[in-house]
Amino acid sequence: EPDLRSSRPPPKTMAVAPDAFDFLLTQLASVHRMEVGRASEAAKRLSKENEVLSNEIRALKNPAAAVNGGRGSSVMETGK
């Protein structure tokens, strides 16, 4: 049984001139910086949203604790 890996032709490669390679590398670096910037802005936005939601959750928990004598559980949770 012949080995199929050795019977396949080698993959075709494309030669790239050094100046074209430098151009492509510069373009890739530019795109990478842009994407990192977008990700950073998204992370900042999500962090702010997380802070707002955490504050809202904290505010919702506090009145429930005050109503139940500071036990922190609601009437529905205790089954009373």
N, C-alpha and C. Protein backbone atom coordinates (compact mmCIF):
# COMPACT_ATOMS: atom_id res chain seq x y z
N GLU A 1 0.85 -1.19 0.00
CA GLU A 1 0.00 0.00 0.00
C GLU A 1 0.89 1.24 0.00
N PRO A 2 0.75 2.10 -1.00
CA PRO A 2 1.64 3.28 -1.08
C PRO A 2 1.30 4.30 0.01
N ASP A 3 2.32 5.01 0.44
CA ASP A 3 2.15 6.07 1.44
C ASP A 3 1.64 7.31 0.71
N LEU A 4 0.40 7.72 1.05
CA LEU A 4 -0.24 8.85 0.35
C LEU A 4 0.47 10.17 0.65
N ARG A 5 1.07 10.28 1.83
CA ARG A 5 1.74 11.54 2.17
C ARG A 5 2.93 11.79 1.25
N SER A 6 3.65 10.74 0.89
CA SER A 6 4.83 10.94 0.05
C SER A 6 4.46 11.09 -1.43
N SER A 7 3.25 10.67 -1.82
CA SER A 7 2.86 10.77 -3.22
C SER A 7 2.24 12.13 -3.56
N ARG A 8 1.88 12.91 -2.56
CA ARG A 8 1.31 14.24 -2.83
C ARG A 8 2.42 15.21 -3.21
N PRO A 9 2.09 16.10 -4.15
CA PRO A 9 3.09 17.12 -4.49
C PRO A 9 3.23 18.11 -3.33
N PRO A 10 4.38 18.71 -3.19
CA PRO A 10 4.55 19.68 -2.11
C PRO A 10 3.63 20.88 -2.32
N PRO A 11 3.19 21.52 -1.24
CA PRO A 11 2.30 22.68 -1.41
C PRO A 11 3.00 23.80 -2.17
N LYS A 12 2.22 24.50 -2.97
CA LYS A 12 2.79 25.61 -3.73
C LYS A 12 3.04 26.78 -2.80
N THR A 13 4.17 27.40 -2.94
CA THR A 13 4.50 28.57 -2.14
C THR A 13 4.67 29.75 -3.07
N MET A 14 4.41 30.92 -2.53
CA MET A 14 4.53 32.12 -3.33
C MET A 14 5.70 32.93 -2.79
N ALA A 15 6.59 33.28 -3.65
CA ALA A 15 7.70 34.13 -3.24
C ALA A 15 7.20 35.56 -3.13
N VAL A 16 7.61 36.23 -2.06
CA VAL A 16 7.21 37.62 -1.85
C VAL A 16 8.47 38.46 -1.79
N ALA A 17 8.48 39.52 -2.56
CA ALA A 17 9.63 40.42 -2.56
C ALA A 17 9.76 41.07 -1.18
N PRO A 18 10.99 41.35 -0.75
CA PRO A 18 11.19 41.94 0.58
C PRO A 18 10.41 43.22 0.82
N ASP A 19 10.33 44.09 -0.19
CA ASP A 19 9.58 45.33 0.02
C ASP A 19 8.08 45.07 0.16
N ALA A 20 7.58 44.09 -0.58
CA ALA A 20 6.17 43.72 -0.43
C ALA A 20 5.93 43.09 0.93
N PHE A 21 6.87 42.28 1.38
CA PHE A 21 6.77 41.66 2.70
C PHE A 21 6.74 42.74 3.78
N ASP A 22 7.63 43.71 3.68
CA ASP A 22 7.64 44.82 4.65
C ASP A 22 6.32 45.57 4.63
N PHE A 23 5.77 45.81 3.45
CA PHE A 23 4.49 46.50 3.34
C PHE A 23 3.39 45.69 4.02
N LEU A 24 3.35 44.38 3.73
CA LEU A 24 2.33 43.53 4.34
C LEU A 24 2.48 43.47 5.85
N LEU A 25 3.71 43.40 6.31
CA LEU A 25 3.96 43.37 7.75
C LEU A 25 3.52 44.68 8.41
N THR A 26 3.77 45.80 7.75
CA THR A 26 3.34 47.10 8.26
C THR A 26 1.82 47.18 8.31
N GLN A 27 1.17 46.68 7.26
CA GLN A 27 -0.30 46.68 7.22
C GLN A 27 -0.86 45.80 8.34
N LEU A 28 -0.26 44.64 8.52
CA LEU A 28 -0.71 43.73 9.58
C LEU A 28 -0.55 44.38 10.95
N ALA A 29 0.57 45.05 11.18
CA ALA A 29 0.80 45.73 12.45
C ALA A 29 -0.23 46.83 12.66
N SER A 30 -0.57 47.54 11.61
CA SER A 30 -1.56 48.60 11.70
C SER A 30 -2.93 48.04 12.07
N VAL A 31 -3.32 46.97 11.40
CA VAL A 31 -4.60 46.34 11.69
C VAL A 31 -4.60 45.81 13.13
N HIS A 32 -3.50 45.22 13.54
CA HIS A 32 -3.39 44.70 14.90
C HIS A 32 -3.56 45.81 15.92
N ARG A 33 -2.90 46.95 15.73
CA ARG A 33 -3.03 48.09 16.64
C ARG A 33 -4.48 48.57 16.70
N MET A 34 -5.13 48.61 15.53
CA MET A 34 -6.52 49.05 15.47
C MET A 34 -7.42 48.09 16.25
N GLU A 35 -7.21 46.80 16.05
CA GLU A 35 -8.02 45.81 16.75
C GLU A 35 -7.77 45.83 18.26
N VAL A 36 -6.52 46.03 18.66
CA VAL A 36 -6.21 46.13 20.09
C VAL A 36 -6.89 47.36 20.67
N GLY A 37 -6.91 48.45 19.93
CA GLY A 37 -7.61 49.66 20.38
C GLY A 37 -9.10 49.42 20.54
N ARG A 38 -9.70 48.74 19.59
CA ARG A 38 -11.13 48.41 19.68
C ARG A 38 -11.40 47.52 20.88
N ALA A 39 -10.57 46.52 21.09
CA ALA A 39 -10.75 45.62 22.22
C ALA A 39 -10.59 46.35 23.54
N SER A 40 -9.65 47.28 23.58
CA SER A 40 -9.44 48.06 24.80
C SER A 40 -10.66 48.92 25.11
N GLU A 41 -11.20 49.56 24.08
CA GLU A 41 -12.40 50.39 24.28
C GLU A 41 -13.58 49.52 24.72
N ALA A 42 -13.73 48.36 24.13
CA ALA A 42 -14.81 47.45 24.52
C ALA A 42 -14.63 47.00 25.96
N ALA A 43 -13.40 46.73 26.36
CA ALA A 43 -13.14 46.31 27.73
C ALA A 43 -13.48 47.43 28.72
N LYS A 44 -13.14 48.67 28.37
CA LYS A 44 -13.48 49.81 29.23
C LYS A 44 -14.99 49.96 29.35
N ARG A 45 -15.68 49.83 28.21
CA ARG A 45 -17.14 49.96 28.22
C ARG A 45 -17.78 48.87 29.07
N LEU A 46 -17.31 47.64 28.91
CA LEU A 46 -17.85 46.53 29.68
C LEU A 46 -17.55 46.68 31.17
N SER A 47 -16.38 47.22 31.49
CA SER A 47 -16.03 47.45 32.88
C SER A 47 -16.98 48.46 33.51
N LYS A 48 -17.30 49.53 32.77
CA LYS A 48 -18.25 50.53 33.28
C LYS A 48 -19.63 49.92 33.44
N GLU A 49 -20.07 49.12 32.46
CA GLU A 49 -21.37 48.47 32.55
C GLU A 49 -21.41 47.53 33.75
N ASN A 50 -20.33 46.81 33.98
CA ASN A 50 -20.24 45.90 35.11
C ASN A 50 -20.36 46.67 36.42
N GLU A 51 -19.70 47.81 36.51
CA GLU A 51 -19.75 48.63 37.71
C GLU A 51 -21.18 49.13 37.96
N VAL A 52 -21.86 49.58 36.91
CA VAL A 52 -23.24 50.05 37.04
C VAL A 52 -24.14 48.92 37.51
N LEU A 53 -24.00 47.75 36.89
CA LEU A 53 -24.83 46.61 37.27
C LEU A 53 -24.54 46.15 38.69
N SER A 54 -23.29 46.17 39.09
CA SER A 54 -22.93 45.81 40.46
C SER A 54 -23.57 46.76 41.45
N ASN A 55 -23.55 48.06 41.13
CA ASN A 55 -24.18 49.05 42.01
C ASN A 55 -25.69 48.83 42.08
N GLU A 56 -26.31 48.50 40.95
CA GLU A 56 -27.75 48.24 40.94
C GLU A 56 -28.08 47.02 41.77
N ILE A 57 -27.28 45.98 41.65
CA ILE A 57 -27.52 44.76 42.44
C ILE A 57 -27.36 45.06 43.92
N ARG A 58 -26.33 45.80 44.27
CA ARG A 58 -26.11 46.18 45.67
C ARG A 58 -27.31 46.97 46.21
N ALA A 59 -27.82 47.89 45.40
CA ALA A 59 -28.97 48.71 45.82
C ALA A 59 -30.22 47.85 45.99
N LEU A 60 -30.37 46.85 45.13
CA LEU A 60 -31.54 45.97 45.24
C LEU A 60 -31.44 45.06 46.46
N LYS A 61 -30.25 44.66 46.83
CA LYS A 61 -30.06 43.77 47.98
C LYS A 61 -30.27 44.51 49.29
N ASN A 62 -29.86 45.76 49.39
CA ASN A 62 -29.93 46.49 50.64
C ASN A 62 -31.35 46.65 51.17
N PRO A 63 -32.34 47.07 50.38
CA PRO A 63 -33.69 47.18 50.93
C PRO A 63 -34.24 45.83 51.39
N ALA A 64 -33.92 44.75 50.70
CA ALA A 64 -34.39 43.42 51.10
C ALA A 64 -33.81 43.05 52.45
N ALA A 65 -32.57 43.38 52.70
CA ALA A 65 -31.94 43.07 53.98
C ALA A 65 -32.58 43.88 55.09
N ALA A 66 -32.92 45.15 54.82
CA ALA A 66 -33.52 46.01 55.83
C ALA A 66 -34.92 45.52 56.19
N VAL A 67 -35.69 45.06 55.19
CA VAL A 67 -37.05 44.59 55.43
C VAL A 67 -37.04 43.32 56.27
N ASN A 68 -36.05 42.46 56.08
CA ASN A 68 -36.00 41.16 56.76
C ASN A 68 -35.12 41.20 58.00
N GLY A 69 -34.98 42.32 58.60
CA GLY A 69 -34.20 42.40 59.83
C GLY A 69 -32.73 42.16 59.64
N GLY A 70 -32.20 42.46 58.44
CA GLY A 70 -30.78 42.33 58.21
C GLY A 70 -30.32 40.93 57.87
N ARG A 71 -31.25 39.99 57.72
CA ARG A 71 -30.85 38.61 57.40
C ARG A 71 -30.43 38.47 55.96
N GLY A 72 -30.86 39.39 55.09
CA GLY A 72 -30.43 39.38 53.69
C GLY A 72 -31.22 38.45 52.81
N SER A 73 -32.21 37.75 53.34
CA SER A 73 -33.02 36.87 52.48
C SER A 73 -34.42 37.44 52.39
N SER A 74 -35.05 37.25 51.28
CA SER A 74 -36.40 37.76 51.09
C SER A 74 -37.40 36.79 51.69
N VAL A 75 -38.61 37.23 51.80
CA VAL A 75 -39.68 36.38 52.33
C VAL A 75 -39.88 35.18 51.44
N MET A 76 -39.81 35.38 50.12
CA MET A 76 -40.01 34.27 49.19
C MET A 76 -38.90 33.24 49.34
N GLU A 77 -37.67 33.66 49.58
CA GLU A 77 -36.56 32.72 49.69
C GLU A 77 -36.69 31.86 50.94
N THR A 78 -37.24 32.42 52.03
CA THR A 78 -37.33 31.65 53.28
C THR A 78 -38.59 30.81 53.33
N GLY A 79 -39.53 31.06 52.42
CA GLY A 79 -40.75 30.28 52.38
C GLY A 79 -41.76 30.73 53.42
N LYS A 80 -41.57 31.87 54.05
CA LYS A 80 -42.51 32.36 55.07
C LYS A 80 -43.60 33.18 54.43
